[in-house]
N, C-alpha and C. Protein backbone atom coordinates (compact mmCIF):
# COMPACT_ATOMS: atom_id res chain seq x y z
N MET A 1 0.86 -1.49 -0.15
CA MET A 1 -0.34 0.04 -0.19
C MET A 1 0.98 1.46 0.32
N LYS A 2 0.62 2.44 -1.05
CA LYS A 2 0.97 3.66 -0.69
C LYS A 2 0.82 4.18 0.71
N PHE A 3 -0.14 3.98 1.42
CA PHE A 3 0.12 4.29 2.48
C PHE A 3 1.29 3.92 3.45
N ILE A 4 1.40 2.84 3.52
CA ILE A 4 2.35 2.06 4.00
C ILE A 4 3.59 2.39 4.03
N LYS A 5 4.22 2.80 2.63
CA LYS A 5 5.23 3.16 2.13
C LYS A 5 5.21 4.37 2.12
N ALA A 6 4.57 5.25 2.45
CA ALA A 6 4.91 6.91 2.77
C ALA A 6 4.96 6.82 4.12
N LEU A 7 4.17 6.15 5.24
CA LEU A 7 4.59 5.73 6.47
C LEU A 7 6.10 5.90 6.66
N LYS A 8 6.79 4.46 6.23
CA LYS A 8 8.13 3.82 6.30
C LYS A 8 9.00 5.26 5.86
N ASP A 9 8.87 6.00 4.41
CA ASP A 9 9.23 6.65 4.30
C ASP A 9 9.57 8.24 5.03
N THR A 10 8.66 8.35 5.82
CA THR A 10 8.58 9.77 6.56
C THR A 10 8.83 9.60 8.07
N PHE A 11 9.26 8.41 8.55
CA PHE A 11 9.27 7.83 10.14
C PHE A 11 10.45 8.72 10.06
N PRO A 12 11.49 8.75 9.85
CA PRO A 12 12.65 9.52 10.24
C PRO A 12 11.78 11.47 10.25
N ILE A 13 11.59 11.87 9.65
CA ILE A 13 10.71 12.98 9.93
C ILE A 13 10.06 13.20 11.30
N PHE A 14 8.77 11.91 11.29
CA PHE A 14 8.44 12.56 12.25
C PHE A 14 8.88 12.43 13.59
N VAL A 15 10.55 11.75 13.87
CA VAL A 15 11.40 11.98 15.02
C VAL A 15 11.65 13.23 14.90
N SER A 16 12.47 13.83 14.22
CA SER A 16 12.39 15.28 14.20
C SER A 16 11.50 16.36 14.15
N TYR A 17 10.07 16.13 13.32
CA TYR A 17 9.02 17.18 13.57
C TYR A 17 8.69 16.91 15.05
N PHE A 18 8.37 15.32 15.47
CA PHE A 18 7.43 15.88 17.12
C PHE A 18 8.84 16.36 17.88
N THR A 19 9.82 16.14 17.75
CA THR A 19 11.03 17.19 18.89
C THR A 19 10.57 18.38 18.84
N LEU A 20 10.91 18.56 17.33
CA LEU A 20 10.97 20.59 17.21
C LEU A 20 9.31 21.30 17.92
N SER A 21 8.27 20.55 17.49
CA SER A 21 7.05 20.93 17.47
C SER A 21 6.55 20.59 18.98
N PHE A 22 7.32 19.84 19.65
CA PHE A 22 7.04 19.95 21.31
C PHE A 22 7.51 21.19 21.82
N SER A 23 8.91 21.10 21.31
CA SER A 23 10.05 22.31 22.20
C SER A 23 8.76 23.49 21.67
N PHE A 24 8.32 23.86 20.43
CA PHE A 24 7.60 25.07 19.77
C PHE A 24 6.54 25.30 20.75
N ALA A 25 5.76 24.23 21.46
CA ALA A 25 5.15 24.42 21.91
C ALA A 25 4.77 24.81 23.67
N ILE A 26 6.31 24.05 24.14
CA ILE A 26 6.27 24.32 25.44
C ILE A 26 7.01 25.28 25.41
N VAL A 27 7.63 26.17 24.61
CA VAL A 27 8.26 27.55 24.88
C VAL A 27 7.32 28.48 24.13
N ALA A 28 6.32 28.87 23.09
CA ALA A 28 5.27 28.91 22.62
C ALA A 28 4.64 29.32 23.87
N VAL A 29 3.66 28.24 25.14
CA VAL A 29 3.05 28.46 25.67
C VAL A 29 3.53 29.25 27.29
N LYS A 30 4.56 28.88 27.08
CA LYS A 30 5.52 29.39 28.47
C LYS A 30 5.82 31.36 28.74
N ILE A 31 5.97 31.58 27.09
CA ILE A 31 5.67 32.89 26.85
C ILE A 31 4.67 33.80 26.91
N GLY A 32 3.66 33.00 27.34
CA GLY A 32 2.06 33.60 27.10
C GLY A 32 1.26 33.07 26.09
N ILE A 33 1.94 32.66 25.05
CA ILE A 33 0.32 32.93 24.09
C ILE A 33 -0.69 31.50 24.04
N ASN A 34 -1.23 31.87 23.69
CA ASN A 34 -3.02 30.60 24.17
C ASN A 34 -2.44 29.66 23.53
N SER A 35 -2.99 28.48 24.17
CA SER A 35 -2.48 26.85 24.04
C SER A 35 -3.31 26.99 22.68
N TYR A 36 -4.83 27.36 22.33
CA TYR A 36 -5.77 27.18 21.17
C TYR A 36 -4.81 27.75 20.13
N LEU A 37 -4.35 28.57 20.23
CA LEU A 37 -3.22 29.93 18.90
C LEU A 37 -2.16 29.12 18.96
N VAL A 38 -1.44 28.45 19.91
CA VAL A 38 -0.61 27.57 19.34
C VAL A 38 -0.54 26.41 18.76
N ILE A 39 -1.88 25.52 18.91
CA ILE A 39 -1.89 24.92 17.94
C ILE A 39 -2.62 24.96 16.93
N LEU A 40 -3.29 26.49 16.41
CA LEU A 40 -3.50 26.35 15.42
C LEU A 40 -2.60 27.51 14.37
N MET A 41 -1.11 27.62 14.99
CA MET A 41 -0.43 28.29 14.10
C MET A 41 0.63 27.06 13.66
N SER A 42 0.19 25.67 14.06
CA SER A 42 0.94 24.63 13.87
C SER A 42 -0.05 23.98 12.80
N ILE A 43 -1.12 24.70 12.47
CA ILE A 43 -2.24 24.20 11.68
C ILE A 43 -1.83 24.72 10.60
N ILE A 44 -2.30 26.21 10.46
CA ILE A 44 -2.17 26.85 9.20
C ILE A 44 -0.75 27.83 9.14
N ILE A 45 0.14 27.48 10.04
CA ILE A 45 1.31 28.33 9.54
C ILE A 45 2.10 27.25 8.78
N TYR A 46 2.37 26.03 10.19
CA TYR A 46 3.16 24.66 9.47
C TYR A 46 4.76 25.08 8.64
N SER A 47 5.24 26.25 9.58
CA SER A 47 6.40 26.05 9.37
C SER A 47 7.17 26.22 10.56
N GLY A 48 8.46 25.54 10.66
CA GLY A 48 9.27 25.05 11.66
C GLY A 48 10.08 26.65 12.37
N SER A 49 10.98 27.11 11.35
CA SER A 49 11.58 28.04 11.20
C SER A 49 10.50 29.12 12.13
N LEU A 50 10.02 29.51 11.21
CA LEU A 50 8.90 30.67 10.74
C LEU A 50 8.63 30.47 12.55
N GLN A 51 7.52 29.68 12.47
CA GLN A 51 6.73 29.62 13.96
C GLN A 51 7.83 29.75 15.15
N PHE A 52 9.39 29.33 15.19
CA PHE A 52 10.41 29.72 16.35
C PHE A 52 10.39 31.38 16.06
N LEU A 53 10.67 31.95 14.93
CA LEU A 53 10.83 32.75 14.70
C LEU A 53 9.51 34.14 15.07
N LEU A 54 8.46 33.15 14.88
CA LEU A 54 7.66 34.40 15.30
C LEU A 54 7.34 34.38 17.18
N ILE A 55 7.41 33.54 17.38
CA ILE A 55 7.55 33.69 19.11
C ILE A 55 8.61 34.04 19.69
N GLY A 56 9.93 34.66 18.94
CA GLY A 56 10.83 35.55 19.81
C GLY A 56 10.29 37.01 19.21
N ILE A 57 9.65 36.84 18.27
CA ILE A 57 9.53 38.43 17.96
C ILE A 57 7.89 38.80 17.94
N TYR A 58 7.16 38.51 17.94
CA TYR A 58 5.60 38.86 17.94
C TYR A 58 5.10 40.10 19.12
N LYS A 59 6.16 40.47 19.89
CA LYS A 59 5.94 41.56 20.67
C LYS A 59 6.61 42.27 20.74
N LYS A 60 7.21 42.33 19.80
CA LYS A 60 8.22 43.35 19.62
C LYS A 60 8.76 44.02 18.61
N LEU A 61 7.62 43.48 17.07
CA LEU A 61 7.70 44.29 15.42
C LEU A 61 6.28 44.26 15.88
N SER A 62 6.06 44.61 14.62
CA SER A 62 4.65 45.33 14.01
C SER A 62 4.28 44.43 12.55
N LEU A 63 3.13 44.10 12.49
CA LEU A 63 2.60 43.19 11.73
C LEU A 63 3.17 43.09 10.17
N ILE A 64 3.32 44.48 9.70
CA ILE A 64 4.45 44.64 8.59
C ILE A 64 5.99 43.89 8.58
N ASP A 65 6.60 43.78 10.13
CA ASP A 65 7.45 43.67 10.37
C ASP A 65 7.49 42.37 10.11
N ILE A 66 6.48 41.71 10.73
CA ILE A 66 6.10 40.42 11.23
C ILE A 66 6.19 39.75 9.67
N PHE A 67 5.15 40.61 8.68
CA PHE A 67 4.83 39.74 6.94
C PHE A 67 6.63 40.13 6.24
N ILE A 68 7.36 40.80 6.75
CA ILE A 68 8.30 40.77 5.86
C ILE A 68 9.57 39.88 6.22
N ALA A 69 9.76 39.72 7.53
CA ALA A 69 10.59 38.06 8.25
C ALA A 69 10.24 37.31 7.68
N SER A 70 8.73 37.10 7.37
CA SER A 70 8.17 36.00 7.23
C SER A 70 8.40 35.39 5.96
N PHE A 71 7.90 36.49 5.15
CA PHE A 71 8.40 36.41 3.66
C PHE A 71 9.80 36.41 3.29
N LEU A 72 10.77 36.94 3.67
CA LEU A 72 11.88 36.52 3.47
C LEU A 72 12.65 35.51 4.05
N LEU A 73 11.94 34.87 5.25
CA LEU A 73 12.72 33.39 5.80
C LEU A 73 12.15 32.41 5.02
N ASN A 74 10.99 32.40 3.99
CA ASN A 74 10.53 31.37 3.55
C ASN A 74 10.49 31.53 2.01
N PHE A 75 11.38 32.90 1.72
CA PHE A 75 11.24 33.21 -0.10
C PHE A 75 11.70 31.77 -1.07
N ARG A 76 12.71 31.03 -0.20
CA ARG A 76 13.11 29.80 -0.48
C ARG A 76 12.27 29.10 -1.06
N GLN A 77 11.46 28.61 -1.06
CA GLN A 77 10.59 28.09 -1.19
C GLN A 77 9.28 28.12 -2.50
N LEU A 78 9.78 29.58 -2.86
CA LEU A 78 9.22 29.92 -3.73
C LEU A 78 9.78 29.14 -4.95
N PHE A 79 10.81 29.09 -5.05
CA PHE A 79 11.52 28.86 -5.95
C PHE A 79 11.69 27.20 -6.47
N TYR A 80 12.17 26.51 -4.75
CA TYR A 80 11.93 25.13 -5.32
C TYR A 80 10.09 24.37 -5.55
N SER A 81 9.86 25.27 -5.27
CA SER A 81 7.97 25.32 -5.71
C SER A 81 7.71 25.55 -7.12
N LEU A 82 8.43 25.60 -7.88
CA LEU A 82 7.95 25.82 -9.38
C LEU A 82 8.60 25.20 -9.54
N THR A 83 9.13 23.97 -9.68
CA THR A 83 9.31 22.47 -10.07
C THR A 83 8.30 21.71 -10.30
N PHE A 84 7.09 21.84 -9.17
CA PHE A 84 6.46 21.36 -8.70
C PHE A 84 4.95 22.03 -9.66
N LEU A 85 4.91 22.78 -10.10
CA LEU A 85 3.88 23.42 -10.96
C LEU A 85 2.75 22.72 -11.50
N ASP A 86 3.35 21.93 -12.31
CA ASP A 86 2.73 20.93 -13.43
C ASP A 86 1.91 19.69 -12.68
N ARG A 87 3.14 19.39 -11.52
CA ARG A 87 2.67 18.02 -10.46
C ARG A 87 1.52 18.32 -9.60
N TYR A 88 1.75 19.71 -9.35
CA TYR A 88 0.49 19.94 -8.13
C TYR A 88 -0.25 20.79 -9.24
N LYS A 89 -0.71 20.92 -10.15
CA LYS A 89 -1.69 21.90 -10.07
C LYS A 89 -3.35 21.67 -9.78
N ASN A 90 -4.06 22.89 -9.65
CA ASN A 90 -4.96 22.68 -8.36
C ASN A 90 -5.16 21.95 -7.58
N GLN A 91 -3.71 21.31 -6.94
CA GLN A 91 -4.33 20.58 -5.64
C GLN A 91 -3.58 21.66 -4.30
N PHE A 92 -4.50 21.97 -3.87
CA PHE A 92 -4.19 23.48 -2.80
C PHE A 92 -3.39 23.04 -2.30
N TYR A 93 -3.85 21.92 -1.17
CA TYR A 93 -3.28 21.45 0.22
C TYR A 93 -2.08 21.47 -0.19
N LYS A 94 -1.75 19.94 -0.98
CA LYS A 94 0.18 19.85 -1.43
C LYS A 94 0.56 21.07 -1.47
N ILE A 95 0.36 21.99 -2.38
CA ILE A 95 1.07 23.20 -2.74
C ILE A 95 1.39 24.37 -0.76
N PHE A 96 0.27 23.96 -0.20
CA PHE A 96 0.55 24.82 1.11
C PHE A 96 1.29 23.59 1.78
N ALA A 97 1.32 22.11 1.94
CA ALA A 97 2.17 21.16 2.68
C ALA A 97 3.75 21.36 1.81
N LEU A 98 3.66 21.39 1.26
CA LEU A 98 4.87 21.64 0.92
C LEU A 98 6.74 22.04 1.79
N THR A 99 6.58 21.41 2.69
CA THR A 99 7.71 22.02 3.48
C THR A 99 9.47 20.76 2.78
N ASP A 100 10.48 21.51 2.95
CA ASP A 100 11.40 21.46 2.70
C ASP A 100 11.54 19.43 2.53
N GLU A 101 11.06 19.37 3.73
CA GLU A 101 11.81 17.92 4.15
C GLU A 101 10.51 17.05 3.19
N THR A 102 9.33 17.44 3.24
CA THR A 102 8.42 17.00 1.90
C THR A 102 8.77 16.80 0.41
N PHE A 103 9.45 18.21 0.22
CA PHE A 103 10.11 17.96 -1.19
C PHE A 103 10.89 17.32 -1.19
N ALA A 104 11.97 17.38 -0.31
CA ALA A 104 13.11 16.82 -0.19
C ALA A 104 12.55 14.77 -0.57
N ILE A 105 11.50 14.36 -0.34
CA ILE A 105 11.41 12.92 -0.12
C ILE A 105 10.42 13.19 -1.92
N LEU A 106 9.39 13.67 -1.73
CA LEU A 106 9.02 13.88 -3.37
C LEU A 106 9.99 13.67 -4.49
N THR A 107 11.16 14.58 -4.77
CA THR A 107 11.92 14.76 -5.41
C THR A 107 12.53 14.19 -6.21
N HIS A 108 12.63 12.51 -5.10
CA HIS A 108 13.26 11.60 -5.63
C HIS A 108 12.54 10.02 -5.51
N LYS A 109 11.14 10.58 -5.24
CA LYS A 109 10.45 8.95 -5.36
C LYS A 109 8.98 9.93 -5.60
N ASN A 110 8.89 9.88 -7.11
CA ASN A 110 7.66 9.85 -7.94
C ASN A 110 6.48 8.50 -8.09
N ASN A 111 5.91 8.04 -6.61
CA ASN A 111 5.06 7.44 -6.81
C ASN A 111 3.54 8.15 -6.93
N GLY A 112 3.09 9.10 -7.46
CA GLY A 112 1.55 8.93 -8.07
C GLY A 112 1.27 9.96 -6.91
N ARG A 113 -0.05 10.83 -7.06
CA ARG A 113 -0.47 11.52 -6.67
C ARG A 113 -1.02 11.46 -5.13
N LYS A 114 -1.68 9.94 -4.98
CA LYS A 114 -2.01 9.26 -3.38
C LYS A 114 -0.71 9.34 -2.95
N TYR A 115 0.10 9.13 -3.30
CA TYR A 115 1.16 8.91 -2.22
C TYR A 115 1.62 10.41 -1.98
N GLU A 116 1.99 11.14 -3.14
CA GLU A 116 2.18 12.61 -2.51
C GLU A 116 1.78 12.89 -1.32
N LEU A 117 0.23 13.16 -1.98
CA LEU A 117 -1.17 13.23 -0.67
C LEU A 117 0.01 12.67 0.79
N TYR A 118 -0.34 11.10 1.35
CA TYR A 118 0.46 11.06 2.30
C TYR A 118 1.47 11.05 2.84
N VAL A 119 2.21 11.71 2.21
CA VAL A 119 3.55 12.17 2.80
C VAL A 119 3.12 13.70 3.05
N SER A 120 2.14 14.30 2.22
CA SER A 120 2.29 16.05 2.83
C SER A 120 1.72 15.52 3.81
N VAL A 121 0.55 14.89 4.24
CA VAL A 121 -0.28 14.77 5.34
C VAL A 121 0.40 13.89 6.69
N LEU A 122 1.06 13.15 6.72
CA LEU A 122 1.77 12.87 7.41
C LEU A 122 2.69 13.34 7.84
N ASN A 123 3.47 13.91 7.14
CA ASN A 123 4.62 15.12 7.76
C ASN A 123 3.86 16.25 8.39
N HIS A 124 2.61 16.67 8.14
CA HIS A 124 1.77 17.74 8.67
C HIS A 124 1.24 17.56 10.30
N PHE A 125 0.85 15.95 9.71
CA PHE A 125 0.40 15.48 11.27
C PHE A 125 1.14 14.90 12.36
N TYR A 126 2.25 14.74 11.86
CA TYR A 126 3.92 15.17 12.74
C TYR A 126 3.86 16.19 13.69
N TRP A 127 3.81 17.16 12.63
CA TRP A 127 4.39 18.55 13.64
C TRP A 127 2.91 19.27 14.27
N LEU A 128 1.77 18.60 14.00
CA LEU A 128 0.50 18.84 14.84
C LEU A 128 0.91 18.14 15.83
N PHE A 129 1.10 16.25 15.87
CA PHE A 129 1.18 16.09 16.76
C PHE A 129 1.83 16.52 18.15
N GLY A 130 3.06 16.53 17.60
CA GLY A 130 4.14 17.30 18.39
C GLY A 130 3.32 18.40 19.32
N THR A 131 3.19 19.21 18.27
CA THR A 131 2.34 20.39 19.19
C THR A 131 1.49 20.35 20.09
N VAL A 132 0.33 19.47 20.06
CA VAL A 132 -0.26 19.15 20.85
C VAL A 132 0.25 18.49 22.42
N CYS A 133 0.74 17.70 21.95
CA CYS A 133 1.37 17.06 23.19
C CYS A 133 2.49 17.79 24.04
N GLY A 134 3.43 18.33 23.36
CA GLY A 134 3.73 19.58 23.84
C GLY A 134 2.54 20.44 24.66
N VAL A 135 1.81 20.99 24.29
CA VAL A 135 0.78 22.05 24.47
C VAL A 135 0.32 21.45 26.33
N ILE A 136 0.19 20.24 25.82
CA ILE A 136 -1.15 19.13 26.92
C ILE A 136 0.14 18.95 27.93
N PHE A 137 1.73 18.26 27.64
CA PHE A 137 2.39 18.94 28.66
C PHE A 137 2.69 20.03 29.49
N VAL A 138 3.34 20.71 28.55
CA VAL A 138 2.83 22.06 29.53
C VAL A 138 2.53 22.39 30.41
N ASN A 139 1.21 22.11 30.03
CA ASN A 139 -0.60 22.83 31.08
C ASN A 139 -0.91 21.71 32.16
N TYR A 140 0.02 20.44 32.06
CA TYR A 140 -0.55 19.60 33.27
C TYR A 140 0.96 18.67 33.62
N VAL A 141 1.88 19.61 33.25
CA VAL A 141 3.19 19.02 34.19
C VAL A 141 3.98 20.47 34.46
N ASP A 142 3.99 20.45 35.63
CA ASP A 142 5.53 21.73 36.26
C ASP A 142 6.58 21.47 35.85
N PHE A 143 7.03 22.45 35.17
CA PHE A 143 7.98 22.51 34.15
C PHE A 143 8.80 23.77 33.84
N GLU A 144 10.13 23.78 34.07
CA GLU A 144 10.83 25.20 34.09
C GLU A 144 11.34 25.33 32.69
N LEU A 145 10.68 26.62 31.80
CA LEU A 145 11.49 26.69 31.04
C LEU A 145 12.83 27.41 30.93
N LYS A 146 13.47 27.01 32.19
CA LYS A 146 14.73 27.31 32.13
C LYS A 146 15.65 26.24 31.13
N GLY A 147 16.30 27.13 30.12
CA GLY A 147 17.06 27.12 29.19
C GLY A 147 16.40 26.05 27.94
N LEU A 148 15.27 25.89 28.33
CA LEU A 148 14.50 25.24 26.79
C LEU A 148 14.73 26.64 25.81
N ASP A 149 14.49 28.01 26.12
CA ASP A 149 14.10 28.99 25.48
C ASP A 149 15.10 29.02 24.35
N PHE A 150 16.21 28.48 24.52
CA PHE A 150 17.31 28.71 23.95
C PHE A 150 17.19 27.70 22.50
N VAL A 151 16.54 26.96 22.35
CA VAL A 151 16.04 26.14 21.63
C VAL A 151 16.21 27.13 20.49
N LEU A 152 15.44 28.23 19.90
CA LEU A 152 15.62 29.33 19.72
C LEU A 152 16.05 29.61 18.53
N VAL A 153 17.86 30.13 19.60
CA VAL A 153 18.76 30.18 19.08
C VAL A 153 19.66 28.69 18.89
N SER A 154 19.76 27.59 18.54
CA SER A 154 20.17 26.82 18.48
C SER A 154 19.56 25.78 17.40
N LEU A 155 18.11 26.08 16.98
CA LEU A 155 17.82 26.35 15.77
C LEU A 155 18.64 26.58 14.66
N PHE A 156 18.64 27.97 14.36
CA PHE A 156 19.18 29.26 13.53
C PHE A 156 20.29 28.97 13.52
N VAL A 157 21.18 28.64 15.01
CA VAL A 157 22.83 28.42 14.59
C VAL A 157 23.18 26.96 13.71
N VAL A 158 22.30 26.13 13.93
CA VAL A 158 22.14 24.82 12.90
C VAL A 158 22.55 25.22 11.63
N ILE A 159 21.30 25.38 11.44
CA ILE A 159 20.71 25.88 9.92
C ILE A 159 21.85 27.19 9.47
N LEU A 160 22.24 27.68 10.56
CA LEU A 160 23.67 28.32 9.98
C LEU A 160 24.86 27.23 9.07
N LEU A 161 25.09 27.05 10.77
CA LEU A 161 26.19 26.55 10.44
C LEU A 161 26.61 25.09 9.16
N GLU A 162 25.33 24.30 8.81
CA GLU A 162 24.90 23.18 7.85
C GLU A 162 25.12 24.05 6.75
N ASN A 163 24.22 25.22 6.36
CA ASN A 163 24.15 25.96 5.11
C ASN A 163 25.96 26.53 5.14
N ILE A 164 26.54 27.02 5.64
CA ILE A 164 28.00 27.03 5.71
C ILE A 164 28.59 26.07 4.96
N LEU A 165 28.52 24.98 5.80
CA LEU A 165 29.58 23.86 5.55
C LEU A 165 28.98 23.26 4.20
N ARG A 166 28.00 23.43 3.65
CA ARG A 166 26.97 23.18 2.48
C ARG A 166 27.60 23.77 1.02
N LYS A 167 27.08 25.27 1.75
CA LYS A 167 27.17 25.96 -0.01
C LYS A 167 29.05 26.46 0.34
N LYS A 168 30.03 26.75 1.03
CA LYS A 168 31.46 26.78 1.31
C LYS A 168 31.27 28.42 0.56
N LYS A 169 30.37 29.36 0.88
CA LYS A 169 30.29 30.73 0.35
C LYS A 169 30.08 31.47 1.83
N PRO A 170 31.15 32.08 2.29
CA PRO A 170 30.97 32.90 3.75
C PRO A 170 30.27 34.08 3.56
N PHE A 171 30.53 34.56 1.83
CA PHE A 171 29.79 36.02 1.42
C PHE A 171 28.37 36.44 2.48
N PRO A 172 27.59 36.21 2.40
CA PRO A 172 26.02 35.70 2.76
C PRO A 172 26.20 35.94 4.34
N PHE A 173 26.51 35.11 5.21
CA PHE A 173 26.53 34.95 6.70
C PHE A 173 27.57 36.29 7.07
N LEU A 174 28.61 36.60 6.33
CA LEU A 174 29.14 37.80 6.38
C LEU A 174 28.71 38.74 6.78
N LEU A 175 27.79 38.98 5.58
CA LEU A 175 27.21 40.47 5.03
C LEU A 175 26.17 40.25 6.07
N GLY A 176 25.59 38.97 6.54
CA GLY A 176 24.53 39.46 7.91
C GLY A 176 25.21 39.95 9.09
N ILE A 177 26.17 39.62 9.15
CA ILE A 177 26.61 39.87 10.78
C ILE A 177 26.80 41.04 10.64
N PHE A 178 27.74 41.58 9.12
CA PHE A 178 27.98 43.06 9.04
C PHE A 178 26.90 43.49 9.38
N SER A 179 25.81 43.95 8.72
CA SER A 179 24.56 44.44 8.41
C SER A 179 24.53 44.48 10.02
N TYR A 180 23.77 43.79 10.52
CA TYR A 180 23.19 43.43 11.95
C TYR A 180 24.00 44.65 12.85
N PHE A 181 25.46 44.25 12.42
CA PHE A 181 26.23 45.62 13.49
C PHE A 181 26.03 46.76 12.92
N ILE A 182 25.84 47.11 12.28
CA ILE A 182 25.73 47.93 11.50
C ILE A 182 24.78 49.39 12.08
N PHE A 183 23.22 48.27 12.08
CA PHE A 183 22.33 49.05 12.51
C PHE A 183 21.94 48.92 13.50
N TYR A 184 22.71 47.91 14.62
CA TYR A 184 22.90 48.20 15.82
C TYR A 184 23.56 49.36 16.48
N THR A 185 24.48 49.33 15.79
CA THR A 185 25.66 50.79 16.51
C THR A 185 25.20 52.01 15.95
N LEU A 186 23.94 51.96 15.08
CA LEU A 186 23.07 53.10 14.68
C LEU A 186 22.21 53.19 15.38
N ASN A 187 21.80 52.44 16.28
CA ASN A 187 20.82 52.23 16.87
C ASN A 187 19.46 52.96 16.16
N VAL A 188 18.93 51.71 15.23
CA VAL A 188 18.25 51.64 14.44
C VAL A 188 16.95 50.43 15.11
N PRO A 189 15.59 51.58 15.46
CA PRO A 189 14.63 50.53 15.29
C PRO A 189 14.73 49.67 14.40
N ASN A 190 13.94 48.33 15.07
CA ASN A 190 13.59 46.90 14.21
C ASN A 190 14.78 46.29 13.56
N ILE A 191 16.07 46.21 14.10
CA ILE A 191 17.18 45.72 13.59
C ILE A 191 17.16 44.45 12.54
N LEU A 192 15.97 43.92 13.03
CA LEU A 192 16.56 42.66 12.58
C LEU A 192 15.93 42.78 10.63
N ILE A 193 14.51 43.42 10.57
CA ILE A 193 14.38 43.85 9.44
C ILE A 193 15.00 45.06 8.67
N PHE A 194 15.33 45.57 9.23
CA PHE A 194 16.20 46.55 8.27
C PHE A 194 17.96 45.96 8.25
N SER A 195 18.06 44.64 8.85
CA SER A 195 19.25 44.33 8.39
C SER A 195 19.14 42.85 7.52
N ILE A 196 17.85 42.46 7.25
CA ILE A 196 17.48 41.47 6.51
C ILE A 196 17.65 42.39 5.23
N LEU A 197 16.40 43.81 5.13
CA LEU A 197 16.08 43.66 3.51
C LEU A 197 17.65 44.16 3.18
N PHE A 198 18.49 45.04 3.79
CA PHE A 198 20.03 45.85 3.35
C PHE A 198 20.67 44.07 2.55
N SER A 199 21.06 43.27 3.17
CA SER A 199 21.65 41.94 3.25
C SER A 199 20.89 41.75 2.04
N PHE A 200 19.15 41.63 1.60
CA PHE A 200 18.99 40.87 0.20
C PHE A 200 19.33 41.60 -0.70
N SER A 201 19.28 43.37 -0.57
CA SER A 201 19.42 44.11 -1.76
C SER A 201 21.04 44.14 -1.90
N ILE A 202 21.95 43.88 -1.20
CA ILE A 202 23.46 43.92 -1.86
C ILE A 202 23.92 42.65 -2.20
N ILE A 203 22.82 41.16 -2.08
CA ILE A 203 22.76 39.80 -2.52
C ILE A 203 22.44 40.02 -3.91
N LEU A 204 21.12 40.43 -3.83
CA LEU A 204 20.63 41.01 -5.80
C LEU A 204 21.38 41.58 -6.44
N ALA A 205 22.31 42.95 -5.65
CA ALA A 205 22.98 43.66 -6.51
C ALA A 205 24.16 43.23 -7.08
N ARG A 206 24.67 42.74 -6.32
CA ARG A 206 25.80 41.80 -6.59
C ARG A 206 25.69 40.41 -7.49
N HIS A 207 24.55 39.90 -7.60
CA HIS A 207 24.56 38.49 -8.39
C HIS A 207 23.99 39.42 -10.19
N LYS A 208 23.51 40.81 -9.63
CA LYS A 208 22.91 41.45 -11.37
C LYS A 208 24.18 41.92 -11.72
N TYR A 209 25.44 42.90 -10.99
CA TYR A 209 26.37 42.99 -11.39
C TYR A 209 27.31 42.58 -11.28
N ALA A 210 27.13 41.21 -10.89
CA ALA A 210 28.35 40.34 -11.01
C ALA A 210 28.97 39.71 -12.42
């Protein structure tokens, strides 16, 4: 059965998704976000790095700032989803559920529409299941957040190191550090947004005129 095959193929993702979403739920509830809203975020946002980012900035930035940060953070998905335009035509849920991990599986395994749907639904379920378990845990178990709130920093450090080792192109990372330092020195409000926009503009200009 294709469902069993999808289940086997996505099991490694279950392990990572459950761990991350469980941690996300604990941190989100502990900083004051309503439990139902935390679960809703995992249903309609369904983006690990974005959800972790949001719980760190939602009280600090305006809605437009959050929109810009969200757009730029997930901008990469615009490019790899283009390869699935014909494959996912009028299949809106599968377009919505196309995460990095789902894309990685489906790129190498074309087993038909049912298999694609099963992979998408299972991965989404894993993330939601971990979130619900985290919400239940943090609401019914006396738990100290101390140390766990560092999971956001750890997540982005791992992503950064992975990209540095894989791409072996240090310019974007050095530019990001430099941009943040400049705007921090100038005491500019909303440093994150200005740093991202400045770095993004420099990289685009560099590619255009290189």
